[in-house]
Amino acid sequence: MTDTVSVLFTLHAEAAPGTLPRLLQPFARRDLVPDQVKARRAGDTLLVELGVDAMPAEELHLVEGNLSQVIGVRRLEVMRRARLRAAA
């Protein structure tokens, strides 16, 4: 059995042309597709929400670390929404 977690990453980042693709790379590297992607610009800041309904629990801290290291990220918050159990 694999533990999964529902998670929402909320980011404040520099509003630059390459920011969104860089924020999606940590997911793509792990064959994960976010279930929710919201982004809007507020002046020179990009406000982004990336949600995954069933992320493997062991991937959570890796993705969080990768997102925090993306150039232009000013703030990152992680909210676990629920824990699920999936059959292996």
C-alpha atoms as a PDB file:
ATOM      1  CA  MET A   1       0.000   0.000   0.000  1.00  0.00           C
ATOM      2  CA  THR A   2       1.131   3.494  -0.815  1.00  0.00           C
ATOM      3  CA  ASP A   3       0.247   6.435   1.398  1.00  0.00           C
ATOM      4  CA  THR A   4      -0.948   9.475  -0.487  1.00  0.00           C
ATOM      5  CA  VAL A   5      -1.762  12.969   0.616  1.00  0.00           C
ATOM      6  CA  SER A   6      -3.938  15.683  -0.837  1.00  0.00           C
ATOM      7  CA  VAL A   7      -1.871  18.853  -0.870  1.00  0.00           C
ATOM      8  CA  LEU A   8      -2.113  22.476  -1.943  1.00  0.00           C
ATOM      9  CA  PHE A   9       1.042  24.489  -2.635  1.00  0.00           C
ATOM     10  CA  THR A  10       0.496  28.263  -2.497  1.00  0.00           C
ATOM     11  CA  LEU A  11       3.287  30.416  -3.869  1.00  0.00           C
ATOM     12  CA  HIS A  12       4.151  34.070  -4.278  1.00  0.00           C
ATOM     13  CA  ALA A  13       6.756  34.466  -6.991  1.00  0.00           C
ATOM     14  CA  GLU A  14       8.270  36.992  -9.332  1.00  0.00           C
ATOM     15  CA  ALA A  15       5.964  37.709 -12.277  1.00  0.00           C
ATOM     16  CA  ALA A  16       8.387  36.655 -15.016  1.00  0.00           C
ATOM     17  CA  PRO A  17       7.752  34.758 -18.273  1.00  0.00           C
ATOM     18  CA  GLY A  18       9.560  31.572 -17.151  1.00  0.00           C
ATOM     19  CA  THR A  19       8.122  31.289 -13.653  1.00  0.00           C
ATOM     20  CA  LEU A  20       5.104  29.049 -14.349  1.00  0.00           C
ATOM     21  CA  PRO A  21       7.025  26.450 -16.389  1.00  0.00           C
ATOM     22  CA  ARG A  22       9.708  26.300 -13.681  1.00  0.00           C
ATOM     23  CA  LEU A  23       7.026  25.710 -11.022  1.00  0.00           C
ATOM     24  CA  LEU A  24       5.602  22.758 -12.965  1.00  0.00           C
ATOM     25  CA  GLN A  25       8.971  21.019 -13.473  1.00  0.00           C
ATOM     26  CA  PRO A  26       9.149  19.346 -10.019  1.00  0.00           C
ATOM     27  CA  PHE A  27       5.826  17.635 -10.781  1.00  0.00           C
ATOM     28  CA  ALA A  28       6.787  16.596 -14.321  1.00  0.00           C
ATOM     29  CA  ARG A  29      10.073  15.065 -13.107  1.00  0.00           C
ATOM     30  CA  ARG A  30       8.051  12.740 -10.867  1.00  0.00           C
ATOM     31  CA  ASP A  31       5.352  11.922 -13.451  1.00  0.00           C
ATOM     32  CA  LEU A  32       2.789  13.922 -11.447  1.00  0.00           C
ATOM     33  CA  VAL A  33       0.141  16.146 -12.988  1.00  0.00           C
ATOM     34  CA  PRO A  34      -1.389  18.748 -10.664  1.00  0.00           C
ATOM     35  CA  ASP A  35      -5.172  18.449 -10.349  1.00  0.00           C
ATOM     36  CA  GLN A  36      -5.434  22.191  -9.826  1.00  0.00           C
ATOM     37  CA  VAL A  37      -3.365  25.028 -11.281  1.00  0.00           C
ATOM     38  CA  LYS A  38      -4.369  28.618 -10.609  1.00  0.00           C
ATOM     39  CA  ALA A  39      -2.244  31.636 -11.332  1.00  0.00           C
ATOM     40  CA  ARG A  40      -2.841  35.359 -11.390  1.00  0.00           C
ATOM     41  CA  ARG A  41      -0.652  38.392 -11.522  1.00  0.00           C
ATOM     42  CA  ALA A  42      -0.761  41.121  -8.887  1.00  0.00           C
ATOM     43  CA  GLY A  43       1.693  43.801  -9.952  1.00  0.00           C
ATOM     44  CA  ASP A  44       5.165  42.293  -9.954  1.00  0.00           C
ATOM     45  CA  THR A  45       3.992  39.188  -8.059  1.00  0.00           C
ATOM     46  CA  LEU A  46       2.570  35.970  -9.446  1.00  0.00           C
ATOM     47  CA  LEU A  47       0.125  34.257  -7.062  1.00  0.00           C
ATOM     48  CA  VAL A  48       0.034  30.517  -7.789  1.00  0.00           C
ATOM     49  CA  GLU A  49      -1.883  27.553  -6.356  1.00  0.00           C
ATOM     50  CA  LEU A  50      -0.867  24.022  -7.324  1.00  0.00           C
ATOM     51  CA  GLY A  51      -3.035  21.231  -5.927  1.00  0.00           C
ATOM     52  CA  VAL A  52      -2.572  17.480  -6.080  1.00  0.00           C
ATOM     53  CA  ASP A  53      -5.384  15.248  -4.820  1.00  0.00           C
ATOM     54  CA  ALA A  54      -3.306  12.087  -4.338  1.00  0.00           C
ATOM     55  CA  MET A  55       0.418  12.781  -4.148  1.00  0.00           C
ATOM     56  CA  PRO A  56       2.617   9.927  -2.923  1.00  0.00           C
ATOM     57  CA  ALA A  57       3.506  10.945   0.637  1.00  0.00           C
ATOM     58  CA  GLU A  58       7.217  10.273   0.090  1.00  0.00           C
ATOM     59  CA  GLU A  59       7.246  12.807  -2.777  1.00  0.00           C
ATOM     60  CA  LEU A  60       5.735  15.690  -0.787  1.00  0.00           C
ATOM     61  CA  HIS A  61       8.920  16.980   0.836  1.00  0.00           C
ATOM     62  CA  LEU A  62      10.902  16.543  -2.386  1.00  0.00           C
ATOM     63  CA  VAL A  63       8.435  18.637  -4.399  1.00  0.00           C
ATOM     64  CA  GLU A  64       8.241  21.197  -1.592  1.00  0.00           C
ATOM     65  CA  GLY A  65      12.033  21.517  -1.547  1.00  0.00           C
ATOM     66  CA  ASN A  66      12.218  21.840  -5.328  1.00  0.00           C
ATOM     67  CA  LEU A  67       9.506  24.521  -5.408  1.00  0.00           C
ATOM     68  CA  SER A  68      11.211  26.548  -2.686  1.00  0.00           C
ATOM     69  CA  GLN A  69      14.417  26.589  -4.768  1.00  0.00           C
ATOM     70  CA  VAL A  70      12.807  27.835  -7.992  1.00  0.00           C
ATOM     71  CA  ILE A  71      14.294  31.172  -8.985  1.00  0.00           C
ATOM     72  CA  GLY A  72      11.850  33.960  -8.215  1.00  0.00           C
ATOM     73  CA  VAL A  73       9.860  32.178  -5.480  1.00  0.00           C
ATOM     74  CA  ARG A  74       9.365  34.586  -2.597  1.00  0.00           C
ATOM     75  CA  ARG A  75       7.005  32.577  -0.402  1.00  0.00           C
ATOM     76  CA  LEU A  76       5.763  28.977  -0.307  1.00  0.00           C
ATOM     77  CA  GLU A  77       3.036  27.520   1.881  1.00  0.00           C
ATOM     78  CA  VAL A  78       2.041  23.867   1.939  1.00  0.00           C
ATOM     79  CA  MET A  79      -1.354  22.739   3.180  1.00  0.00           C
ATOM     80  CA  ARG A  80      -2.183  19.073   3.544  1.00  0.00           C
ATOM     81  CA  ARG A  81      -5.859  18.612   2.807  1.00  0.00           C
ATOM     82  CA  ALA A  82      -6.458  14.932   3.619  1.00  0.00           C
ATOM     83  CA  ARG A  83      -4.771  11.550   3.796  1.00  0.00           C
ATOM     84  CA  LEU A  84      -5.859   8.707   1.558  1.00  0.00           C
ATOM     85  CA  ARG A  85      -4.803   5.102   1.247  1.00  0.00           C
ATOM     86  CA  ALA A  86      -4.328   3.505  -2.174  1.00  0.00           C
ATOM     87  CA  ALA A  87      -3.713  -0.123  -3.031  1.00  0.00           C
ATOM     88  CA  ALA A  88      -0.251  -0.937  -4.361  1.00  0.00           C
END
